[in-house]
N, C-alpha and C. Protein backbone atom coordinates (compact mmCIF):
# COMPACT_ATOMS: atom_id res chain seq x y z
N UNK A 1 15.35 -30.86 33.57
CA UNK A 1 15.13 -32.35 33.01
C UNK A 1 16.14 -32.97 32.17
N UNK A 2 16.62 -31.73 31.24
CA UNK A 2 17.58 -32.15 30.24
C UNK A 2 18.95 -32.80 30.85
N UNK A 3 19.34 -31.86 31.97
CA UNK A 3 20.74 -32.24 32.83
C UNK A 3 20.36 -33.48 33.44
N UNK A 4 19.26 -33.91 33.98
CA UNK A 4 19.28 -35.04 34.72
C UNK A 4 19.36 -36.31 33.57
N UNK A 5 18.83 -36.18 32.37
CA UNK A 5 18.92 -37.20 31.41
C UNK A 5 20.35 -37.27 30.90
N UNK A 6 20.92 -36.18 30.72
CA UNK A 6 22.55 -36.12 30.53
C UNK A 6 23.28 -37.03 31.42
N UNK A 7 22.97 -36.73 32.61
CA UNK A 7 23.78 -37.34 33.70
C UNK A 7 23.44 -38.94 33.67
N UNK A 8 22.20 -39.16 33.62
CA UNK A 8 22.06 -40.69 33.47
C UNK A 8 22.73 -41.44 32.41
N UNK A 9 22.68 -40.60 31.17
CA UNK A 9 23.19 -41.45 30.00
C UNK A 9 24.62 -41.50 30.25
N UNK A 10 25.28 -40.31 30.85
CA UNK A 10 26.77 -40.39 31.07
C UNK A 10 27.32 -41.61 32.18
N UNK A 11 26.00 -41.97 32.87
CA UNK A 11 26.59 -42.82 33.96
C UNK A 11 26.32 -44.31 33.36
N UNK A 12 25.24 -44.42 32.44
CA UNK A 12 25.25 -45.64 31.69
C UNK A 12 26.34 -45.99 30.55
N UNK A 13 26.94 -44.99 30.08
CA UNK A 13 27.95 -45.13 28.87
C UNK A 13 29.25 -45.58 29.92
N UNK A 14 29.38 -44.98 31.09
CA UNK A 14 30.63 -45.10 31.62
C UNK A 14 30.65 -46.43 32.26
N UNK A 15 29.52 -46.96 32.64
CA UNK A 15 29.28 -48.11 33.48
C UNK A 15 29.47 -49.35 32.35
N UNK A 16 29.21 -49.13 31.10
CA UNK A 16 29.21 -50.10 29.93
C UNK A 16 30.61 -49.99 29.41
N UNK A 17 31.18 -48.96 29.29
CA UNK A 17 32.59 -48.89 28.76
C UNK A 17 33.67 -49.05 29.55
N UNK A 18 33.58 -48.99 30.76
CA UNK A 18 34.62 -49.39 31.79
C UNK A 18 34.49 -50.70 32.46
N UNK A 19 33.96 -51.56 31.76
CA UNK A 19 33.68 -52.97 32.37
C UNK A 19 35.04 -53.66 32.32
N UNK A 20 35.44 -54.39 33.56
CA UNK A 20 36.67 -54.88 33.42
C UNK A 20 36.80 -56.19 32.49
N UNK A 21 37.83 -56.36 32.02
CA UNK A 21 38.18 -57.74 31.22
C UNK A 21 37.67 -59.03 31.99
N UNK A 22 37.36 -60.02 31.28
CA UNK A 22 36.94 -61.20 32.05
C UNK A 22 38.07 -61.68 32.87
N UNK A 23 39.33 -61.63 32.28
CA UNK A 23 40.39 -62.27 32.94
C UNK A 23 40.89 -61.58 34.24
N UNK A 24 40.39 -60.30 34.34
CA UNK A 24 41.05 -59.68 35.64
C UNK A 24 40.09 -60.21 36.86
N UNK A 25 40.80 -59.88 38.06
CA UNK A 25 40.19 -60.41 39.12
C UNK A 25 38.79 -60.10 39.57
N UNK A 26 37.81 -60.77 39.78
CA UNK A 26 36.47 -60.26 40.17
C UNK A 26 35.70 -59.85 38.89
N UNK A 27 36.44 -60.07 37.74
CA UNK A 27 35.84 -59.45 36.46
C UNK A 27 34.46 -60.06 36.24
N UNK A 28 34.09 -61.37 36.50
CA UNK A 28 32.61 -61.58 36.52
C UNK A 28 31.80 -60.88 37.19
N UNK A 29 32.25 -60.77 38.59
CA UNK A 29 31.12 -60.39 39.46
C UNK A 29 30.91 -58.80 39.28
N UNK A 30 32.02 -58.15 38.99
CA UNK A 30 32.06 -56.65 38.73
C UNK A 30 30.94 -56.42 37.42
N UNK A 31 31.29 -57.39 36.41
CA UNK A 31 30.24 -57.23 35.13
C UNK A 31 29.02 -57.31 35.51
N UNK A 32 28.70 -58.50 36.44
CA UNK A 32 27.22 -58.67 36.69
C UNK A 32 26.68 -57.27 37.36
N UNK A 33 27.70 -57.07 38.45
CA UNK A 33 27.19 -55.54 39.24
C UNK A 33 26.79 -54.57 38.39
N UNK A 34 27.84 -54.34 37.36
CA UNK A 34 27.87 -52.96 36.47
C UNK A 34 26.62 -53.18 35.54
N UNK A 35 26.21 -54.45 35.13
CA UNK A 35 24.94 -54.70 34.26
C UNK A 35 23.96 -54.35 34.98
N UNK A 36 23.67 -54.87 36.30
CA UNK A 36 22.63 -54.76 37.16
C UNK A 36 22.33 -53.19 37.40
N UNK A 37 23.37 -52.44 37.51
CA UNK A 37 23.56 -50.90 37.80
C UNK A 37 22.88 -50.32 36.58
N UNK A 38 23.37 -50.92 35.51
CA UNK A 38 23.12 -50.04 34.03
C UNK A 38 21.41 -50.51 33.86
N UNK A 39 21.03 -51.66 34.15
CA UNK A 39 19.53 -51.73 34.22
C UNK A 39 18.74 -50.81 34.96
N UNK A 40 19.28 -50.69 36.22
CA UNK A 40 18.58 -49.84 36.97
C UNK A 40 18.67 -48.38 36.38
N UNK A 41 19.79 -47.99 36.13
CA UNK A 41 19.83 -46.59 35.49
C UNK A 41 18.71 -46.38 34.23
N UNK A 42 18.63 -47.81 33.50
CA UNK A 42 17.76 -47.59 32.29
C UNK A 42 16.22 -47.52 32.85
N UNK A 43 15.93 -48.06 33.76
CA UNK A 43 14.68 -48.01 34.58
C UNK A 43 14.62 -46.57 34.93
N UNK A 44 15.58 -46.08 35.61
CA UNK A 44 15.20 -44.75 35.95
C UNK A 44 15.15 -43.85 34.80
N UNK A 45 15.67 -43.89 33.71
CA UNK A 45 15.73 -43.10 32.55
C UNK A 45 14.32 -43.30 31.80
N UNK A 46 13.96 -44.54 31.72
CA UNK A 46 12.53 -44.79 31.48
C UNK A 46 11.45 -44.24 32.09
N UNK A 47 11.62 -44.12 33.53
CA UNK A 47 10.78 -43.57 34.14
C UNK A 47 10.66 -42.32 34.22
N UNK A 48 11.88 -41.60 33.90
CA UNK A 48 11.89 -40.06 34.02
C UNK A 48 11.10 -39.78 32.66
N UNK A 49 11.52 -40.53 31.44
CA UNK A 49 10.76 -40.13 30.07
C UNK A 49 9.35 -40.41 30.05
N UNK A 50 8.95 -41.18 30.84
CA UNK A 50 7.48 -41.58 31.12
C UNK A 50 6.61 -40.68 31.73
N UNK A 51 7.29 -39.67 32.42
CA UNK A 51 6.52 -38.93 33.42
C UNK A 51 5.47 -37.85 32.47
N UNK A 52 4.30 -37.89 32.88
CA UNK A 52 3.32 -37.36 32.23
C UNK A 52 3.39 -35.81 32.14
N UNK A 53 3.80 -35.35 33.46
CA UNK A 53 3.79 -33.85 33.54
C UNK A 53 4.98 -33.31 32.66
N UNK A 54 6.08 -34.14 32.42
CA UNK A 54 7.37 -33.76 31.66
C UNK A 54 6.74 -33.94 30.09
N UNK A 55 6.16 -34.78 29.77
CA UNK A 55 5.71 -34.97 28.52
C UNK A 55 4.76 -33.74 28.11
N UNK A 56 3.73 -33.64 29.08
CA UNK A 56 2.90 -32.27 28.78
C UNK A 56 3.63 -30.79 28.46
N UNK A 57 4.86 -30.73 29.31
CA UNK A 57 5.43 -29.73 29.38
C UNK A 57 6.36 -29.64 28.05
N UNK A 58 6.85 -30.61 27.56
CA UNK A 58 7.36 -30.80 26.31
C UNK A 58 6.51 -30.49 25.21
N UNK A 59 5.24 -30.92 25.12
CA UNK A 59 4.19 -30.89 24.12
C UNK A 59 3.82 -29.22 24.09
N UNK A 60 3.73 -28.72 25.15
CA UNK A 60 3.30 -27.25 25.39
C UNK A 60 4.39 -26.31 24.82
N UNK A 61 5.64 -26.66 25.21
CA UNK A 61 6.90 -26.06 24.52
C UNK A 61 6.78 -26.03 23.25
N UNK A 62 6.50 -27.16 22.57
CA UNK A 62 6.39 -27.40 20.95
C UNK A 62 5.38 -26.42 20.48
N UNK A 63 4.04 -26.53 20.90
CA UNK A 63 3.13 -25.98 20.55
C UNK A 63 2.98 -24.26 20.70
N UNK A 64 3.98 -24.01 21.61
CA UNK A 64 3.80 -22.42 21.76
C UNK A 64 5.12 -21.98 21.00
N UNK A 65 6.10 -22.71 20.43
CA UNK A 65 7.02 -22.20 19.47
C UNK A 65 6.66 -21.32 18.43
N UNK A 66 7.17 -19.95 18.24
CA UNK A 66 6.54 -19.12 17.27
C UNK A 66 7.03 -19.57 15.96
N UNK A 67 7.90 -20.44 15.98
CA UNK A 67 8.51 -20.74 14.65
C UNK A 67 7.53 -21.74 13.91
N UNK A 68 6.45 -22.09 14.44
CA UNK A 68 5.40 -22.84 13.63
C UNK A 68 4.53 -22.21 13.04
N UNK A 69 4.19 -22.38 11.77
CA UNK A 69 3.17 -21.48 11.17
C UNK A 69 1.74 -21.81 11.89
N UNK A 70 0.95 -20.64 11.82
CA UNK A 70 -0.25 -20.82 12.63
C UNK A 70 -1.25 -20.57 11.64
N UNK A 71 -1.03 -20.52 10.25
CA UNK A 71 -1.92 -20.44 9.23
C UNK A 71 -2.57 -21.88 9.09
N UNK A 72 -3.92 -21.64 8.98
CA UNK A 72 -4.82 -23.00 8.97
C UNK A 72 -4.61 -23.63 7.66
N UNK A 73 -4.50 -25.08 7.75
CA UNK A 73 -4.39 -25.71 6.43
C UNK A 73 -5.82 -25.71 5.63
N UNK A 74 -6.04 -25.26 4.36
CA UNK A 74 -7.15 -25.20 3.69
C UNK A 74 -7.13 -26.18 2.61
N UNK A 75 -8.12 -27.33 2.89
CA UNK A 75 -8.36 -28.47 1.96
C UNK A 75 -8.99 -28.05 0.82
N UNK A 76 -8.56 -28.56 -0.51
CA UNK A 76 -9.04 -28.21 -1.66
C UNK A 76 -10.22 -29.21 -2.08
N UNK A 77 -11.08 -28.86 -2.62
CA UNK A 77 -12.34 -29.80 -2.94
C UNK A 77 -13.02 -29.08 -4.17
N UNK A 78 -13.30 -30.36 -5.04
CA UNK A 78 -13.89 -29.90 -6.15
C UNK A 78 -15.42 -29.81 -6.11
N UNK A 79 -15.86 -30.07 -4.84
CA UNK A 79 -17.37 -29.95 -4.51
C UNK A 79 -17.70 -28.70 -4.16
N UNK A 80 -18.98 -28.13 -4.77
CA UNK A 80 -19.34 -26.71 -4.36
C UNK A 80 -19.65 -26.72 -2.81
N UNK A 81 -19.38 -25.63 -2.20
CA UNK A 81 -19.80 -25.52 -0.82
C UNK A 81 -21.01 -25.18 -0.60
N UNK A 82 -21.88 -25.73 0.22
CA UNK A 82 -23.31 -25.25 0.56
C UNK A 82 -23.28 -24.64 1.86
N UNK A 83 -23.80 -23.21 2.04
CA UNK A 83 -23.61 -22.77 3.20
C UNK A 83 -24.95 -23.28 4.08
N UNK A 84 -25.09 -22.92 5.29
CA UNK A 84 -26.33 -23.42 5.95
C UNK A 84 -27.29 -22.45 5.62
N UNK A 85 -28.55 -22.75 5.25
CA UNK A 85 -29.72 -22.08 4.97
C UNK A 85 -29.77 -21.72 3.32
N UNK A 86 -28.90 -22.15 2.86
CA UNK A 86 -28.83 -21.94 1.26
C UNK A 86 -29.73 -23.25 0.52
N UNK A 87 -30.28 -22.69 -0.51
CA UNK A 87 -31.26 -23.72 -1.11
C UNK A 87 -30.58 -24.61 -1.74
N UNK A 88 -30.25 -26.08 -1.30
CA UNK A 88 -29.48 -27.18 -1.96
C UNK A 88 -30.22 -27.77 -3.14
N UNK A 89 -31.70 -27.27 -3.20
CA UNK A 89 -32.27 -28.16 -4.34
C UNK A 89 -31.99 -27.18 -5.62
N UNK A 90 -31.57 -25.78 -5.35
CA UNK A 90 -31.15 -25.08 -6.45
C UNK A 90 -29.84 -25.54 -7.09
N UNK A 91 -28.97 -25.82 -6.12
CA UNK A 91 -27.49 -26.30 -6.24
C UNK A 91 -27.60 -27.62 -7.19
N UNK A 92 -28.34 -28.57 -6.67
CA UNK A 92 -28.83 -30.01 -7.25
C UNK A 92 -29.14 -29.71 -8.69
N UNK A 93 -30.23 -28.59 -8.93
CA UNK A 93 -30.76 -28.38 -10.22
C UNK A 93 -29.67 -27.81 -11.02
N UNK A 94 -28.55 -27.21 -10.76
CA UNK A 94 -27.73 -26.81 -11.67
C UNK A 94 -26.86 -27.87 -12.21
N UNK A 95 -26.95 -28.96 -11.64
CA UNK A 95 -25.95 -30.01 -11.92
C UNK A 95 -26.87 -30.91 -13.01
N UNK A 96 -28.16 -30.64 -13.08
CA UNK A 96 -28.91 -31.64 -14.05
C UNK A 96 -28.63 -31.33 -15.60
N UNK A 97 -29.00 -32.05 -16.44
CA UNK A 97 -29.05 -31.76 -17.72
C UNK A 97 -30.50 -31.83 -18.08
N UNK A 98 -30.69 -31.21 -19.36
CA UNK A 98 -32.34 -31.20 -19.71
C UNK A 98 -32.81 -32.40 -20.12
N UNK A 99 -33.72 -32.66 -19.96
CA UNK A 99 -34.61 -33.90 -20.05
C UNK A 99 -36.28 -33.95 -20.20
N UNK A 100 -36.72 -33.55 -21.48
CA UNK A 100 -35.80 -33.58 -22.74
C UNK A 100 -35.22 -32.29 -23.14
N UNK A 101 -34.82 -32.14 -24.21
CA UNK A 101 -34.09 -31.12 -24.62
C UNK A 101 -35.00 -30.26 -25.61
N UNK A 102 -35.29 -29.08 -25.35
CA UNK A 102 -36.05 -28.13 -26.19
C UNK A 102 -35.30 -26.96 -26.87
N UNK A 103 -35.57 -26.86 -28.09
CA UNK A 103 -35.15 -25.57 -28.94
C UNK A 103 -36.31 -24.61 -28.94
N UNK A 104 -36.14 -23.23 -29.05
CA UNK A 104 -37.17 -22.38 -29.23
C UNK A 104 -36.95 -21.25 -29.83
N UNK A 105 -37.79 -20.29 -30.18
CA UNK A 105 -37.61 -19.06 -30.54
C UNK A 105 -37.16 -18.05 -29.33
N UNK A 106 -36.80 -17.03 -29.63
CA UNK A 106 -36.37 -15.93 -28.77
C UNK A 106 -37.33 -15.53 -27.42
N UNK A 107 -38.52 -15.90 -27.77
CA UNK A 107 -39.46 -15.69 -26.64
C UNK A 107 -39.57 -16.70 -25.64
N UNK A 108 -39.00 -17.80 -25.91
CA UNK A 108 -38.83 -19.09 -24.99
C UNK A 108 -37.87 -18.85 -23.97
N UNK A 109 -37.93 -18.83 -22.85
CA UNK A 109 -36.80 -18.85 -21.97
C UNK A 109 -35.75 -19.83 -21.73
N UNK A 110 -34.72 -19.58 -21.59
CA UNK A 110 -33.71 -20.51 -21.38
C UNK A 110 -33.53 -21.12 -19.96
N UNK A 111 -33.02 -22.41 -19.85
CA UNK A 111 -32.77 -22.97 -18.69
C UNK A 111 -32.73 -24.43 -18.69
N UNK A 112 -33.06 -25.24 -17.79
CA UNK A 112 -33.11 -26.56 -17.58
C UNK A 112 -34.45 -26.97 -17.90
N UNK A 113 -34.46 -27.75 -19.14
CA UNK A 113 -35.95 -28.30 -19.46
C UNK A 113 -36.33 -29.52 -19.09
N UNK A 114 -37.60 -29.53 -18.82
CA UNK A 114 -38.32 -30.71 -17.98
C UNK A 114 -39.65 -30.76 -18.79
N UNK A 115 -40.31 -32.03 -18.51
CA UNK A 115 -41.55 -32.16 -19.03
C UNK A 115 -42.52 -31.14 -18.43
N UNK A 116 -42.21 -30.75 -17.34
CA UNK A 116 -43.05 -29.65 -16.53
C UNK A 116 -42.62 -28.33 -16.89
N UNK A 117 -41.34 -28.11 -16.99
CA UNK A 117 -40.77 -26.62 -17.05
C UNK A 117 -39.98 -26.90 -18.56
N UNK A 118 -40.75 -26.42 -19.39
CA UNK A 118 -40.42 -26.50 -21.01
C UNK A 118 -39.45 -25.25 -21.10
N UNK A 119 -38.21 -25.26 -20.94
CA UNK A 119 -37.23 -24.25 -21.08
C UNK A 119 -36.32 -24.71 -22.25
N UNK A 120 -35.84 -23.73 -23.02
CA UNK A 120 -34.69 -24.20 -24.17
C UNK A 120 -33.51 -24.32 -23.67
N UNK A 121 -32.58 -25.26 -23.97
CA UNK A 121 -31.37 -25.45 -23.61
C UNK A 121 -30.52 -24.42 -24.00
N UNK A 122 -29.65 -23.75 -23.44
CA UNK A 122 -28.55 -22.91 -23.90
C UNK A 122 -27.06 -23.58 -23.67
N UNK A 123 -27.13 -24.81 -23.38
CA UNK A 123 -25.79 -25.16 -23.36
C UNK A 123 -25.57 -26.68 -24.04
N UNK A 124 -26.07 -26.30 -25.24
CA UNK A 124 -26.01 -27.49 -26.13
C UNK A 124 -24.62 -27.66 -26.69
N UNK A 125 -24.24 -28.98 -27.08
CA UNK A 125 -23.11 -29.24 -27.56
C UNK A 125 -23.27 -30.48 -28.71
N UNK A 126 -22.53 -30.18 -29.63
CA UNK A 126 -22.45 -31.02 -31.05
C UNK A 126 -21.59 -32.37 -30.71
N UNK A 127 -21.94 -33.53 -30.58
CA UNK A 127 -21.36 -34.58 -30.58
C UNK A 127 -20.71 -35.15 -31.87
N UNK A 128 -20.94 -34.54 -32.92
CA UNK A 128 -20.50 -34.79 -34.30
C UNK A 128 -18.95 -33.96 -34.45
N UNK A 129 -19.21 -32.57 -34.24
CA UNK A 129 -18.13 -31.77 -34.39
C UNK A 129 -17.55 -31.33 -33.16
N UNK A 130 -17.84 -31.60 -32.06
CA UNK A 130 -17.31 -31.30 -30.81
C UNK A 130 -17.36 -29.76 -30.56
N UNK A 131 -18.44 -29.23 -30.94
CA UNK A 131 -18.51 -27.61 -30.87
C UNK A 131 -19.48 -27.44 -30.13
N UNK A 132 -19.35 -26.19 -29.13
CA UNK A 132 -20.72 -25.78 -28.46
C UNK A 132 -21.65 -25.05 -29.69
N UNK A 133 -23.00 -25.35 -29.42
CA UNK A 133 -23.96 -24.86 -30.25
C UNK A 133 -24.13 -23.26 -29.92
N UNK A 134 -24.02 -22.43 -30.65
CA UNK A 134 -24.14 -21.03 -30.66
C UNK A 134 -25.62 -20.67 -31.01
N UNK A 135 -26.36 -19.67 -30.14
CA UNK A 135 -27.77 -19.36 -30.58
C UNK A 135 -27.71 -17.82 -30.52
N UNK A 136 -28.70 -17.22 -31.38
CA UNK A 136 -28.68 -15.90 -31.73
C UNK A 136 -30.14 -15.59 -32.03
N UNK A 137 -30.48 -14.74 -30.92
CA UNK A 137 -31.95 -14.30 -30.71
C UNK A 137 -32.40 -13.29 -31.69
N UNK A 138 -33.68 -13.41 -32.21
CA UNK A 138 -34.14 -12.89 -33.33
C UNK A 138 -33.54 -12.72 -34.61
N UNK A 139 -33.13 -13.73 -35.15
CA UNK A 139 -32.45 -13.97 -36.31
C UNK A 139 -32.83 -15.61 -36.80
N UNK A 140 -32.45 -15.41 -38.21
CA UNK A 140 -32.67 -17.01 -38.89
C UNK A 140 -31.57 -16.97 -39.80
N UNK A 141 -31.08 -18.05 -40.24
CA UNK A 141 -30.24 -18.46 -41.29
C UNK A 141 -30.83 -18.11 -42.58
N UNK A 142 -29.91 -17.54 -43.44
CA UNK A 142 -30.33 -17.41 -45.00
C UNK A 142 -30.27 -18.88 -45.51
N UNK A 143 -31.13 -19.04 -46.56
CA UNK A 143 -31.53 -20.47 -47.06
C UNK A 143 -29.87 -20.85 -47.91
N UNK A 144 -29.30 -19.76 -48.30
CA UNK A 144 -27.84 -20.21 -48.90
C UNK A 144 -26.75 -20.72 -48.12
N UNK A 145 -27.24 -20.81 -46.65
CA UNK A 145 -26.15 -21.46 -45.67
C UNK A 145 -25.86 -22.81 -46.27
N UNK A 146 -24.48 -23.39 -46.24
CA UNK A 146 -24.04 -24.64 -46.33
C UNK A 146 -23.18 -24.94 -45.43
N UNK A 147 -22.71 -26.32 -45.43
CA UNK A 147 -21.64 -27.03 -44.37
C UNK A 147 -20.40 -26.22 -44.40
N UNK A 148 -20.10 -25.68 -45.47
CA UNK A 148 -18.71 -25.10 -45.68
C UNK A 148 -18.80 -23.83 -44.89
N UNK A 149 -19.85 -22.99 -45.02
CA UNK A 149 -19.92 -21.82 -44.48
C UNK A 149 -19.81 -21.89 -42.90
N UNK A 150 -20.58 -22.79 -42.52
CA UNK A 150 -20.09 -22.76 -40.87
C UNK A 150 -18.92 -23.53 -40.41
N UNK A 151 -18.36 -24.33 -41.42
CA UNK A 151 -17.12 -25.00 -41.06
C UNK A 151 -15.83 -23.99 -41.05
N UNK A 152 -15.99 -23.00 -41.80
CA UNK A 152 -15.08 -22.06 -41.96
C UNK A 152 -15.23 -20.88 -41.16
N UNK A 153 -16.34 -20.60 -40.78
CA UNK A 153 -16.75 -19.36 -40.01
C UNK A 153 -17.15 -19.52 -38.75
N UNK A 154 -17.45 -20.61 -38.06
CA UNK A 154 -17.72 -20.87 -36.65
C UNK A 154 -16.57 -20.60 -35.83
N UNK A 155 -16.78 -20.22 -34.61
CA UNK A 155 -17.71 -19.41 -34.11
C UNK A 155 -17.80 -17.70 -34.14
N UNK A 156 -17.13 -17.35 -35.19
CA UNK A 156 -16.72 -15.90 -35.39
C UNK A 156 -18.24 -15.14 -36.02
N UNK A 157 -18.94 -14.33 -34.91
CA UNK A 157 -19.94 -13.78 -35.21
C UNK A 157 -19.97 -12.62 -36.71
N UNK A 158 -18.69 -11.98 -36.46
CA UNK A 158 -18.62 -11.13 -37.59
C UNK A 158 -18.61 -11.59 -39.08
N UNK A 159 -18.20 -12.77 -39.02
CA UNK A 159 -18.32 -13.47 -40.42
C UNK A 159 -19.67 -14.25 -40.68
N UNK A 160 -20.27 -14.86 -39.43
CA UNK A 160 -21.52 -15.36 -39.58
C UNK A 160 -22.54 -14.31 -39.65
N UNK A 161 -22.59 -13.20 -39.54
CA UNK A 161 -23.58 -12.17 -39.85
C UNK A 161 -23.93 -12.06 -41.23
N UNK A 162 -22.90 -12.48 -42.07
CA UNK A 162 -23.21 -12.48 -43.45
C UNK A 162 -24.34 -12.99 -44.11
N UNK A 163 -24.66 -14.13 -43.21
CA UNK A 163 -25.88 -14.97 -43.73
C UNK A 163 -26.93 -15.16 -42.43
N UNK A 164 -26.85 -13.93 -41.70
CA UNK A 164 -28.19 -13.98 -40.63
C UNK A 164 -29.10 -13.06 -41.11
N UNK A 165 -30.11 -13.31 -41.12
CA UNK A 165 -31.61 -12.42 -41.29
C UNK A 165 -32.29 -11.83 -40.30
N UNK A 166 -32.38 -10.87 -39.86
CA UNK A 166 -33.25 -10.21 -38.86
C UNK A 166 -34.70 -10.91 -38.81
N UNK A 167 -35.00 -11.61 -37.78
CA UNK A 167 -36.67 -11.87 -37.72
C UNK A 167 -37.04 -12.05 -36.25
N UNK A 168 -37.65 -11.12 -35.63
CA UNK A 168 -38.06 -11.11 -34.51
C UNK A 168 -38.99 -12.24 -34.04
N UNK A 169 -38.42 -12.71 -32.77
CA UNK A 169 -39.17 -14.02 -32.07
C UNK A 169 -38.56 -15.17 -32.66
N UNK A 170 -37.78 -15.22 -33.71
CA UNK A 170 -37.09 -16.59 -33.90
C UNK A 170 -35.79 -16.55 -33.21
N UNK A 171 -34.94 -17.74 -33.34
CA UNK A 171 -33.66 -18.06 -32.90
C UNK A 171 -32.78 -18.88 -33.66
N UNK A 172 -31.64 -18.40 -34.09
CA UNK A 172 -30.66 -19.30 -34.99
C UNK A 172 -29.85 -20.05 -34.29
N UNK A 173 -29.62 -21.33 -34.45
CA UNK A 173 -28.71 -22.22 -33.87
C UNK A 173 -27.88 -22.62 -34.80
N UNK A 174 -26.57 -22.77 -34.40
CA UNK A 174 -25.45 -23.44 -35.40
C UNK A 174 -24.41 -24.00 -34.38
N UNK A 175 -23.81 -24.94 -35.10
CA UNK A 175 -22.51 -25.47 -34.33
C UNK A 175 -21.46 -25.41 -35.68
N UNK A 176 -20.33 -26.33 -35.82
CA UNK A 176 -19.79 -26.39 -36.89
C UNK A 176 -20.07 -27.27 -38.09
N UNK A 177 -21.21 -28.17 -38.06
CA UNK A 177 -21.32 -29.04 -38.97
C UNK A 177 -23.01 -28.94 -39.25
N UNK A 178 -23.94 -28.17 -38.19
CA UNK A 178 -25.43 -28.20 -38.14
C UNK A 178 -25.88 -26.82 -37.94
N UNK A 179 -26.96 -26.50 -38.55
CA UNK A 179 -27.81 -25.38 -38.17
C UNK A 179 -29.05 -25.52 -38.22
N UNK A 180 -29.84 -24.50 -37.53
CA UNK A 180 -31.32 -24.63 -37.61
C UNK A 180 -31.75 -23.30 -37.26
N UNK A 181 -33.11 -23.01 -37.66
CA UNK A 181 -33.64 -21.68 -37.55
C UNK A 181 -35.06 -22.13 -36.81
N UNK A 182 -35.18 -21.69 -35.62
CA UNK A 182 -36.21 -22.12 -34.80
C UNK A 182 -37.45 -20.92 -34.46
N UNK A 183 -38.55 -21.09 -34.65
CA UNK A 183 -39.63 -20.13 -34.15
C UNK A 183 -40.48 -20.44 -33.02
N UNK A 184 -40.64 -21.94 -32.90
CA UNK A 184 -41.58 -22.29 -31.69
C UNK A 184 -40.90 -23.28 -30.88
N UNK A 185 -41.31 -23.66 -29.65
CA UNK A 185 -40.82 -24.58 -28.76
C UNK A 185 -40.74 -26.00 -29.50
N UNK A 186 -39.50 -26.82 -29.68
CA UNK A 186 -39.27 -27.72 -30.31
C UNK A 186 -38.63 -28.89 -29.63
N UNK A 187 -39.12 -30.12 -29.44
CA UNK A 187 -38.51 -30.92 -28.81
C UNK A 187 -37.05 -31.57 -29.81
N UNK A 188 -36.06 -31.47 -29.19
CA UNK A 188 -34.74 -31.85 -30.14
C UNK A 188 -34.80 -33.30 -30.50
N UNK A 189 -35.65 -34.30 -30.04
CA UNK A 189 -35.75 -35.39 -30.61
C UNK A 189 -36.40 -35.53 -31.76
N UNK A 190 -37.04 -34.67 -32.10
CA UNK A 190 -37.98 -34.56 -33.43
C UNK A 190 -37.30 -34.53 -34.44
N UNK A 191 -36.07 -33.97 -34.05
CA UNK A 191 -35.03 -33.71 -35.40
C UNK A 191 -34.05 -34.78 -35.11
N UNK A 192 -34.02 -36.08 -35.93
CA UNK A 192 -33.10 -36.79 -35.82
C UNK A 192 -31.77 -36.77 -36.47
N UNK A 193 -31.52 -35.61 -37.23
CA UNK A 193 -30.32 -35.31 -37.97
C UNK A 193 -29.40 -34.67 -37.10
N UNK A 194 -29.89 -33.91 -36.15
CA UNK A 194 -29.19 -33.16 -35.43
C UNK A 194 -28.51 -34.08 -34.13
N UNK A 195 -27.18 -33.97 -33.92
CA UNK A 195 -26.43 -34.55 -32.88
C UNK A 195 -26.09 -33.75 -31.77
N UNK A 196 -27.09 -32.98 -31.48
CA UNK A 196 -26.79 -32.11 -30.33
C UNK A 196 -27.33 -32.75 -29.03
N UNK A 197 -26.56 -32.34 -27.93
CA UNK A 197 -26.87 -33.02 -26.69
C UNK A 197 -26.70 -31.69 -25.55
N UNK A 198 -27.54 -32.11 -24.30
CA UNK A 198 -27.43 -30.98 -23.34
C UNK A 198 -26.05 -31.15 -22.55
N UNK A 199 -25.21 -30.03 -22.57
CA UNK A 199 -24.02 -30.42 -21.70
C UNK A 199 -24.62 -29.69 -20.29
N UNK A 200 -23.51 -29.78 -19.57
CA UNK A 200 -23.94 -29.43 -18.01
C UNK A 200 -23.76 -28.13 -17.76
N UNK A 201 -24.90 -27.61 -17.13
CA UNK A 201 -25.45 -26.14 -17.02
C UNK A 201 -24.50 -25.49 -16.08
N UNK A 202 -24.37 -24.13 -16.09
CA UNK A 202 -23.31 -23.36 -15.24
C UNK A 202 -23.81 -23.46 -14.20
N UNK A 203 -22.90 -23.70 -13.02
CA UNK A 203 -23.31 -23.70 -11.45
C UNK A 203 -23.34 -22.45 -10.95
């Protein structure tokens, strides 16, 4: 097919390039004849190029070329993939935030708190100092704790231990500007001074 196309192109080029000058004898007639022939050659060329079988052959040749990479393209997605049969309700639950937000002692289970499932939030963040709230099971804070202590020592546990008192069943909460010792399940809204909110739970 390539040789046939080359011959047709050569013929078209020869006929267009070798057209006699208008002043030569029979120039107009020859020019008309040459143009008609060129038109027919172009039609033949177009017909040859539009042959479906030849096009299919070219496509097959390109597809079978070993130089093309056969590695499938992997699309990047920020959405978690859900496999068939997986519990989509659990995936959706992990995206939720606690409502209401509960604090509690070490015996209170952590998780997503709701009016039905009263779990304590372990993904708290302070909107005042923009620190994640740390919690320590079976400890309370010493009464001598102050703002500067947490400002200078959070979140280094080795330094915080200086004012942590062991108390089974309690839980010590702290960010860089606020701290609380909790023994029982408590709704966070009951303490208006705390600027803590539930962050996104781990998926």
